């Protein structure tokens, strides 16, 4: 597998052309894109999508080129080609039936079906294809129905704006094409349902991007932060002759399960004052194994063993605070806060922590025991 790809392009999503700071950021990542062999940029500024070729010119300004392309008028559904690879660009947030019917009735759709691979792109994510119904900015499902069964189609969207470390961001399934939700070039957003910490409420400006290489027999998706040219995780490889290789079911079976280092233990500390009678902080080392395993999130459970019965007092799930960062730059420790009045007083409590991968598989637990004393009431003078 040492042949050169037919095409390498980068996906820069959520790059509004009227945001001059963002356009300056697009210009700044051009040297990194050149080092990665990127020949074109798939740029999305809200609903609008354009394919911009990177000129072999020392004076070329990528930000200016992307801005001009996004501001130019185009059809709601436009078919373009780069190095023999077709791209179907939808610039109406989601695919509309009135635009699809004329296209599907023409010879252009028949030609797409014969291509080795083609890329379809829109802002909203094809409904029901990735990470469950809670995924934000899914469409009404027309694109999913229109593309159903086209195994040579890769549908890319930007609406979810999720972090590229999430293995659920790419999927093959019963819908019959490959669905990919890419990150925001500016500020990725986390899926709901987890506790948030100040250090991850706003993502760093490290410029996440998919760098996609198209070979004769496969497509390779590199998850990059362009500010440092570092990978956020292993590449996703899509064999063109093995649909289902990127299904959740197949990948979950072989996904590495993150584990804590031998001898690791959580530390329990108390912060008095404030709401809830103060905080009980559970601090533990990150789970980052030598085998490449990395925690996507952590499950922190408080058990009460009173009377020999295991009662769960409270359980929280927290994202890794390094979720936007390359593996080597993860913070060394994670803290999960509880309020004192969420827990039991004057009984031994076991604080148990497990690391999880993106598919929910849990590593071995680490635990510590502490008792939270009843706070003395202050008398009045």
Protein backbone atom coordinates (compact mmCIF):
# COMPACT_ATOMS: atom_id res chain seq x y z
CA UNK A 1 0.00 0.00 0.00
CA UNK A 2 2.74 2.47 -0.89
CA UNK A 3 1.10 3.94 -3.99
CA UNK A 4 0.16 7.58 -4.08
CA UNK A 5 -3.49 8.57 -3.64
CA UNK A 6 -5.40 9.81 -6.65
CA UNK A 7 -6.57 12.78 -4.58
CA UNK A 8 -6.01 14.20 -1.11
CA UNK A 9 -8.38 16.87 0.15
CA UNK A 10 -9.13 18.51 3.50
CA UNK A 11 -12.55 19.23 4.97
CA UNK A 12 -12.77 22.67 6.58
CA UNK A 13 -16.26 22.98 8.05
CA UNK A 14 -17.95 25.90 9.79
CA UNK A 15 -15.81 28.56 8.10
CA UNK A 16 -18.17 31.54 7.57
CA UNK A 17 -16.72 33.82 4.87
CA UNK A 18 -17.73 37.00 6.73
CA UNK A 19 -15.59 36.03 9.73
CA UNK A 20 -12.20 37.56 8.97
CA UNK A 21 -10.52 35.83 11.93
CA UNK A 22 -11.67 32.46 10.64
CA UNK A 23 -10.49 33.25 7.10
CA UNK A 24 -7.12 34.27 8.54
CA UNK A 25 -7.02 30.88 10.27
CA UNK A 26 -7.70 29.17 6.94
CA UNK A 27 -4.77 31.06 5.42
CA UNK A 28 -2.47 30.07 8.30
CA UNK A 29 -3.03 26.33 7.88
CA UNK A 30 -1.99 26.34 4.20
CA UNK A 31 1.65 25.31 4.95
CA UNK A 32 0.38 22.35 7.02
CA UNK A 33 -1.98 21.32 4.22
CA UNK A 34 0.84 21.47 1.68
CA UNK A 35 3.04 19.27 3.91
CA UNK A 36 0.20 16.75 4.11
CA UNK A 37 -0.06 16.63 0.32
CA UNK A 38 -3.52 18.24 0.23
CA UNK A 39 -4.54 19.28 -3.28
CA UNK A 40 -7.97 20.78 -2.61
CA UNK A 41 -10.14 21.98 0.25
CA UNK A 42 -13.80 21.10 0.76
CA UNK A 43 -15.02 24.23 2.56
CA UNK A 44 -18.35 24.73 4.28
CA UNK A 45 -19.56 28.11 5.43
CA UNK A 46 -22.94 27.34 6.96
CA UNK A 47 -25.20 25.90 4.27
CA UNK A 48 -22.81 26.73 1.42
CA UNK A 49 -20.17 24.24 0.28
CA UNK A 50 -17.39 24.71 -2.29
CA UNK A 51 -14.41 22.71 -3.51
CA UNK A 52 -11.34 24.96 -3.72
CA UNK A 53 -8.19 23.83 -5.48
CA UNK A 54 -4.88 24.72 -3.80
CA UNK A 55 -2.78 26.58 -6.36
CA UNK A 56 0.89 25.76 -6.78
CA UNK A 57 1.84 29.38 -6.24
CA UNK A 58 3.83 30.97 -3.43
CA UNK A 59 1.48 33.98 -3.40
CA UNK A 60 -1.69 31.86 -3.10
CA UNK A 61 -3.94 32.93 -0.20
CA UNK A 62 -6.19 30.03 0.80
CA UNK A 63 -8.40 32.15 3.07
CA UNK A 64 -9.07 34.64 0.28
CA UNK A 65 -9.77 31.82 -2.18
CA UNK A 66 -12.22 30.09 0.20
CA UNK A 67 -13.96 33.40 0.97
CA UNK A 68 -14.39 34.20 -2.74
CA UNK A 69 -15.66 30.70 -3.51
CA UNK A 70 -18.22 30.70 -0.69
CA UNK A 71 -19.51 34.13 -1.66
CA UNK A 72 -19.93 33.22 -5.32
CA UNK A 73 -23.39 32.17 -6.53
CA UNK A 74 -23.97 28.50 -7.29
CA UNK A 75 -26.76 26.02 -7.88
CA UNK A 76 -28.52 24.38 -4.89
CA UNK A 77 -27.05 21.05 -6.01
CA UNK A 78 -23.80 21.17 -7.91
CA UNK A 79 -21.67 18.34 -9.30
CA UNK A 80 -17.94 19.04 -9.54
CA UNK A 81 -14.88 16.88 -10.04
CA UNK A 82 -11.30 16.94 -8.81
CA UNK A 83 -8.62 14.54 -10.09
CA UNK A 84 -11.33 12.21 -11.39
CA UNK A 85 -13.25 12.10 -8.08
CA UNK A 86 -16.84 13.43 -8.17
CA UNK A 87 -18.27 15.71 -5.46
CA UNK A 88 -21.98 16.47 -5.17
CA UNK A 89 -22.32 19.71 -3.19
CA UNK A 90 -25.63 20.64 -1.56
CA UNK A 91 -25.91 24.30 -0.54
CA UNK A 92 -29.41 24.33 0.96
CA UNK A 93 -28.59 22.97 4.46
CA UNK A 94 -30.19 19.64 3.52
CA UNK A 95 -31.15 17.86 0.33
CA UNK A 96 -34.52 18.98 -1.03
CA UNK A 97 -36.79 16.82 -3.15
CA UNK A 98 -37.34 19.57 -5.74
CA UNK A 99 -33.57 19.72 -6.36
CA UNK A 100 -32.95 15.97 -6.20
CA UNK A 101 -35.64 14.84 -8.66
CA UNK A 102 -34.22 16.67 -11.72
CA UNK A 103 -30.71 15.52 -10.81
CA UNK A 104 -31.77 11.91 -10.27
CA UNK A 105 -33.66 11.93 -13.56
CA UNK A 106 -30.60 13.00 -15.50
CA UNK A 107 -27.61 10.97 -16.58
CA UNK A 108 -25.48 12.56 -13.88
CA UNK A 109 -26.78 10.28 -11.12
CA UNK A 110 -26.21 7.22 -13.29
CA UNK A 111 -22.60 8.33 -13.79
CA UNK A 112 -22.14 8.78 -10.04
CA UNK A 113 -23.35 5.26 -9.37
CA UNK A 114 -20.63 3.94 -11.69
CA UNK A 115 -17.83 5.89 -9.97
CA UNK A 116 -15.42 4.05 -7.72
CA UNK A 117 -16.33 6.49 -4.96
CA UNK A 118 -18.05 9.86 -4.79
CA UNK A 119 -18.55 12.41 -2.02
CA UNK A 120 -21.85 14.05 -1.13
CA UNK A 121 -21.78 16.99 1.29
CA UNK A 122 -24.36 19.10 3.12
CA UNK A 123 -24.60 21.03 6.39
CA UNK A 124 -27.24 19.01 8.25
CA UNK A 125 -26.47 15.39 8.93
CA UNK A 126 -28.36 12.64 7.06
CA UNK A 127 -31.02 11.60 9.55
CA UNK A 128 -30.61 8.37 11.51
CA UNK A 129 -27.13 7.46 10.28
CA UNK A 130 -24.70 8.44 13.05
CA UNK A 131 -24.67 8.35 16.88
CA UNK A 132 -28.38 8.10 17.62
CA UNK A 133 -31.37 10.39 17.50
CA UNK A 134 -29.90 12.93 19.94
CA UNK A 135 -27.33 14.09 17.36
CA UNK A 136 -27.96 17.77 16.77
CA UNK A 137 -28.80 19.21 13.34
CA UNK A 138 -29.98 16.03 11.64
CA UNK A 139 -32.09 16.51 8.54
CA UNK A 140 -35.61 15.20 8.00
CA UNK A 141 -34.30 12.02 6.39
CA UNK A 142 -34.73 12.78 2.68
CA UNK A 143 -30.98 12.60 2.01
CA UNK A 144 -30.79 9.23 3.77
CA UNK A 145 -33.57 7.89 1.55
CA UNK A 146 -32.09 9.40 -1.62
CA UNK A 147 -28.59 7.98 -1.02
CA UNK A 148 -29.76 4.64 0.39
CA UNK A 149 -27.87 1.67 -0.99
CA UNK A 150 -25.18 3.70 -2.80
CA UNK A 151 -22.20 1.91 -1.32
CA UNK A 152 -19.75 4.07 -3.26
CA UNK A 153 -21.14 7.24 -1.62
CA UNK A 154 -19.44 9.02 1.29
CA UNK A 155 -21.83 11.59 2.79
CA UNK A 156 -20.02 14.30 4.76
CA UNK A 157 -21.84 16.80 6.96
CA UNK A 158 -20.87 19.51 9.43
CA UNK A 159 -24.03 20.15 11.46
CA UNK A 160 -23.08 18.07 14.50
CA UNK A 161 -19.74 19.92 14.89
CA UNK A 162 -18.56 17.09 17.17
CA UNK A 163 -14.97 16.28 18.13
CA UNK A 164 -13.03 14.08 15.69
CA UNK A 165 -11.80 11.81 18.50
CA UNK A 166 -15.30 10.28 18.56
CA UNK A 167 -15.19 6.96 16.70
CA UNK A 168 -18.96 7.19 16.15
CA UNK A 169 -18.41 10.10 13.75
CA UNK A 170 -18.10 7.65 10.84
CA UNK A 171 -20.45 4.77 10.18
CA UNK A 172 -21.62 2.24 7.64
CA UNK A 173 -24.96 0.59 8.30
CA UNK A 174 -28.27 -0.60 6.94
CA UNK A 175 -28.72 2.73 5.12
CA UNK A 176 -26.13 1.55 2.62
CA UNK A 177 -23.63 4.42 2.28
CA UNK A 178 -20.80 5.82 4.42
CA UNK A 179 -21.87 8.63 6.74
CA UNK A 180 -19.31 11.02 8.23
CA UNK A 181 -19.88 13.97 10.54
CA UNK A 182 -16.93 16.29 10.59
CA UNK A 183 -15.81 18.82 13.17
CA UNK A 184 -15.99 22.58 13.26
CA UNK A 185 -12.79 24.26 12.11
CA UNK A 186 -13.47 26.87 14.80
CA UNK A 187 -15.28 25.50 17.87
CA UNK A 188 -16.25 21.82 18.00
CA UNK A 189 -19.20 20.99 20.23
CA UNK A 190 -19.71 18.01 22.52
CA UNK A 191 -22.72 15.76 22.39
CA UNK A 192 -25.06 16.25 25.38
CA UNK A 193 -25.48 13.86 28.30
CA UNK A 194 -22.17 14.35 30.11
CA UNK A 195 -20.88 16.59 32.87
CA UNK A 196 -18.89 19.54 31.56
CA UNK A 197 -15.75 21.10 33.00
CA UNK A 198 -14.51 24.67 32.48
CA UNK A 199 -11.45 23.39 30.61
CA UNK A 200 -13.57 21.76 27.89
CA UNK A 201 -16.57 24.07 27.71
CA UNK A 202 -14.79 25.93 24.90
CA UNK A 203 -12.48 24.05 22.56
CA UNK A 204 -8.99 25.27 21.68
CA UNK A 205 -8.34 26.90 18.30
CA UNK A 206 -6.19 24.01 17.09
CA UNK A 207 -8.05 23.80 13.74
CA UNK A 208 -9.42 20.23 13.53
CA UNK A 209 -9.90 18.85 10.04
CA UNK A 210 -10.41 15.62 8.16
CA UNK A 211 -7.71 14.99 5.57
CA UNK A 212 -9.11 12.49 3.09
CA UNK A 213 -6.97 10.44 0.69
CA UNK A 214 -8.63 8.59 -2.18
CA UNK A 215 -6.82 5.47 -3.43
CA UNK A 216 -7.91 2.95 -6.06
CA UNK A 217 -9.05 0.42 -3.46
CA UNK A 218 -9.73 2.49 -0.33
CA UNK A 219 -10.39 5.88 1.21
CA UNK A 220 -8.35 6.96 4.24
CA UNK A 221 -9.59 9.61 6.67
CA UNK A 222 -6.88 11.24 8.80
CA UNK A 223 -8.16 13.16 11.83
CA UNK A 224 -5.82 16.12 12.17
CA UNK A 225 -5.30 19.28 14.17
CA UNK A 226 -3.75 21.51 11.55
CA UNK A 227 -2.16 23.98 13.99
CA UNK A 228 0.38 21.31 14.96
CA UNK A 229 -0.10 18.73 12.16
CA UNK A 230 -0.83 16.07 14.80
CA UNK A 231 -3.30 13.21 14.58
CA UNK A 232 -6.23 13.00 16.98
CA UNK A 233 -6.35 9.22 16.65
CA UNK A 234 -5.71 6.34 14.23
CA UNK A 235 -6.83 6.87 10.65
CA UNK A 236 -10.17 5.50 9.50
CA UNK A 237 -9.69 3.25 6.47
CA UNK A 238 -12.66 2.51 4.22
CA UNK A 239 -12.02 -0.46 1.89
CA UNK A 240 -13.97 0.06 -1.34
CA UNK A 241 -14.77 -3.63 -1.64
CA UNK A 242 -15.85 -4.34 1.95
CA UNK A 243 -18.93 -2.37 2.90
CA UNK A 244 -19.55 -2.79 6.62
CA UNK A 245 -15.90 -2.50 7.66
CA UNK A 246 -16.80 0.81 9.32
CA UNK A 247 -20.02 -0.37 10.93
CA UNK A 248 -20.35 0.20 14.66
CA UNK A 249 -20.88 -3.51 15.25
CA UNK A 250 -17.66 -4.63 13.57
CA UNK A 251 -15.51 -1.85 14.94
CA UNK A 252 -16.81 -2.15 18.51
CA UNK A 253 -15.61 -5.76 18.64
CA UNK A 254 -12.00 -4.78 17.93
CA UNK A 255 -11.91 -1.34 19.60
CA UNK A 256 -9.33 -1.04 22.36
CA UNK A 257 -10.68 -0.65 25.88
CA UNK A 258 -8.89 2.07 27.89
CA UNK A 259 -7.29 1.01 31.16
CA UNK A 260 -5.72 2.86 34.05
CA UNK A 261 -2.07 2.28 34.84
CA UNK A 262 -1.25 -0.32 37.47
CA UNK A 263 -1.55 1.07 40.98
CA UNK A 264 -3.69 4.05 39.97
CA UNK A 265 -6.20 5.27 42.56
CA UNK A 266 -8.70 8.13 42.75
CA UNK A 267 -8.12 10.90 45.27
CA UNK A 268 -11.06 12.37 47.21
CA UNK A 269 -10.89 15.99 48.34
CA UNK A 270 -13.36 18.45 49.84
CA UNK A 271 -13.97 22.06 48.92
CA UNK A 272 -16.07 23.86 51.55
CA UNK A 273 -18.64 26.54 50.90
CA UNK A 274 -20.73 27.33 47.89
CA UNK A 275 -23.94 25.63 46.71
CA UNK A 276 -24.81 22.14 47.88
CA UNK A 277 -22.73 22.43 51.03
CA UNK A 278 -19.48 22.49 49.07
CA UNK A 279 -17.87 20.09 46.63
CA UNK A 280 -16.52 16.55 46.85
CA UNK A 281 -13.92 16.22 44.09
CA UNK A 282 -12.90 12.85 42.70
CA UNK A 283 -9.53 13.21 40.96
CA UNK A 284 -7.86 10.41 39.02
CA UNK A 285 -5.07 9.95 36.45
CA UNK A 286 -5.97 9.84 32.77
CA UNK A 287 -6.30 6.45 31.12
CA UNK A 288 -3.85 6.50 28.24
CA UNK A 289 -2.32 3.13 27.53
CA UNK A 290 0.90 2.24 25.75
CA UNK A 291 -1.22 0.18 23.34
CA UNK A 292 -2.90 3.36 22.06
CA UNK A 293 -6.06 2.99 24.14
CA UNK A 294 -7.57 6.32 25.07
CA UNK A 295 -10.55 7.22 27.22
CA UNK A 296 -13.41 9.00 25.49
CA UNK A 297 -15.21 9.52 28.78
CA UNK A 298 -15.23 8.28 32.38
CA UNK A 299 -17.92 6.76 34.58
CA UNK A 300 -17.71 7.77 38.24
CA UNK A 301 -19.98 5.82 40.59
CA UNK A 302 -20.50 6.37 44.32
CA UNK A 303 -21.47 3.14 46.14
CA UNK A 304 -22.77 2.78 49.70
CA UNK A 305 -22.09 -0.68 51.20
CA UNK A 306 -24.18 -0.16 54.35
CA UNK A 307 -25.58 -3.46 55.64
CA UNK A 308 -23.69 -5.44 53.04
CA UNK A 309 -25.96 -4.19 50.25
CA UNK A 310 -24.43 -2.34 47.31
CA UNK A 311 -26.54 0.75 46.76
CA UNK A 312 -25.56 3.24 44.07
CA UNK A 313 -25.81 6.70 45.58
CA UNK A 314 -25.00 8.60 42.40
CA UNK A 315 -23.30 8.05 39.05
CA UNK A 316 -21.88 10.60 36.62
CA UNK A 317 -20.33 10.38 33.18
CA UNK A 318 -17.69 12.96 32.30
CA UNK A 319 -15.87 13.62 29.06
CA UNK A 320 -12.11 13.38 29.07
CA UNK A 321 -10.81 16.96 29.40
CA UNK A 322 -8.39 16.13 26.57
CA UNK A 323 -11.17 15.31 24.13
CA UNK A 324 -10.13 18.07 21.70
CA UNK A 325 -6.41 17.28 21.92
CA UNK A 326 -3.95 14.80 20.40
CA UNK A 327 -3.34 11.81 22.72
CA UNK A 328 0.07 13.02 23.88
CA UNK A 329 -1.34 16.36 25.06
CA UNK A 330 -4.09 15.06 27.33
CA UNK A 331 -4.04 16.59 30.85
CA UNK A 332 -2.47 14.12 33.30
CA UNK A 333 -5.43 14.23 35.71
CA UNK A 334 -9.22 14.38 35.53
CA UNK A 335 -11.54 15.74 38.23
CA UNK A 336 -15.22 14.86 38.61
CA UNK A 337 -17.07 17.10 41.10
CA UNK A 338 -20.04 16.13 43.26
CA UNK A 339 -22.00 18.33 45.65
CA UNK A 340 -21.81 17.27 49.29
CA UNK A 341 -25.58 17.18 49.62
CA UNK A 342 -25.83 14.81 46.63
CA UNK A 343 -24.14 12.11 48.72
CA UNK A 344 -24.77 10.26 52.01
CA UNK A 345 -23.30 11.51 55.26
CA UNK A 346 -21.56 9.48 57.97
CA UNK A 347 -21.44 6.23 56.00
CA UNK A 348 -18.46 4.65 54.19
CA UNK A 349 -18.72 5.45 50.48
CA UNK A 350 -16.76 3.77 47.68
CA UNK A 351 -15.83 6.06 44.78
CA UNK A 352 -15.31 3.89 41.71
CA UNK A 353 -13.96 5.13 38.34
CA UNK A 354 -13.93 3.36 34.97
CA UNK A 355 -12.60 4.59 31.64
CA UNK A 356 -14.75 4.03 28.53
CA UNK A 357 -14.16 4.01 24.80
CA UNK A 358 -16.51 5.63 22.28
CA UNK A 359 -18.62 2.48 21.97
CA UNK A 360 -19.23 2.24 25.73
CA UNK A 361 -16.83 -0.58 26.58
CA UNK A 362 -15.51 -0.13 30.13
CA UNK A 363 -12.03 -0.73 31.48
CA UNK A 364 -11.23 -2.18 34.90
CA UNK A 365 -12.25 0.01 37.86
CA UNK A 366 -10.10 1.89 40.30
CA UNK A 367 -11.61 2.85 43.66
CA UNK A 368 -11.15 4.67 46.94
CA UNK A 369 -13.25 4.79 50.13
CA UNK A 370 -14.13 7.87 52.16
CA UNK A 371 -16.77 8.97 54.66
CA UNK A 372 -18.40 12.39 54.37
CA UNK A 373 -19.08 13.84 57.78
CA UNK A 374 -22.22 15.77 58.61
CA UNK A 375 -21.42 19.46 58.58
CA UNK A 376 -21.84 21.24 61.91
CA UNK A 377 -24.41 24.00 61.81
CA UNK A 378 -23.12 27.42 62.70
CA UNK A 379 -24.78 28.85 65.82
CA UNK A 380 -26.20 32.36 65.93
CA UNK A 381 -24.56 34.97 68.13
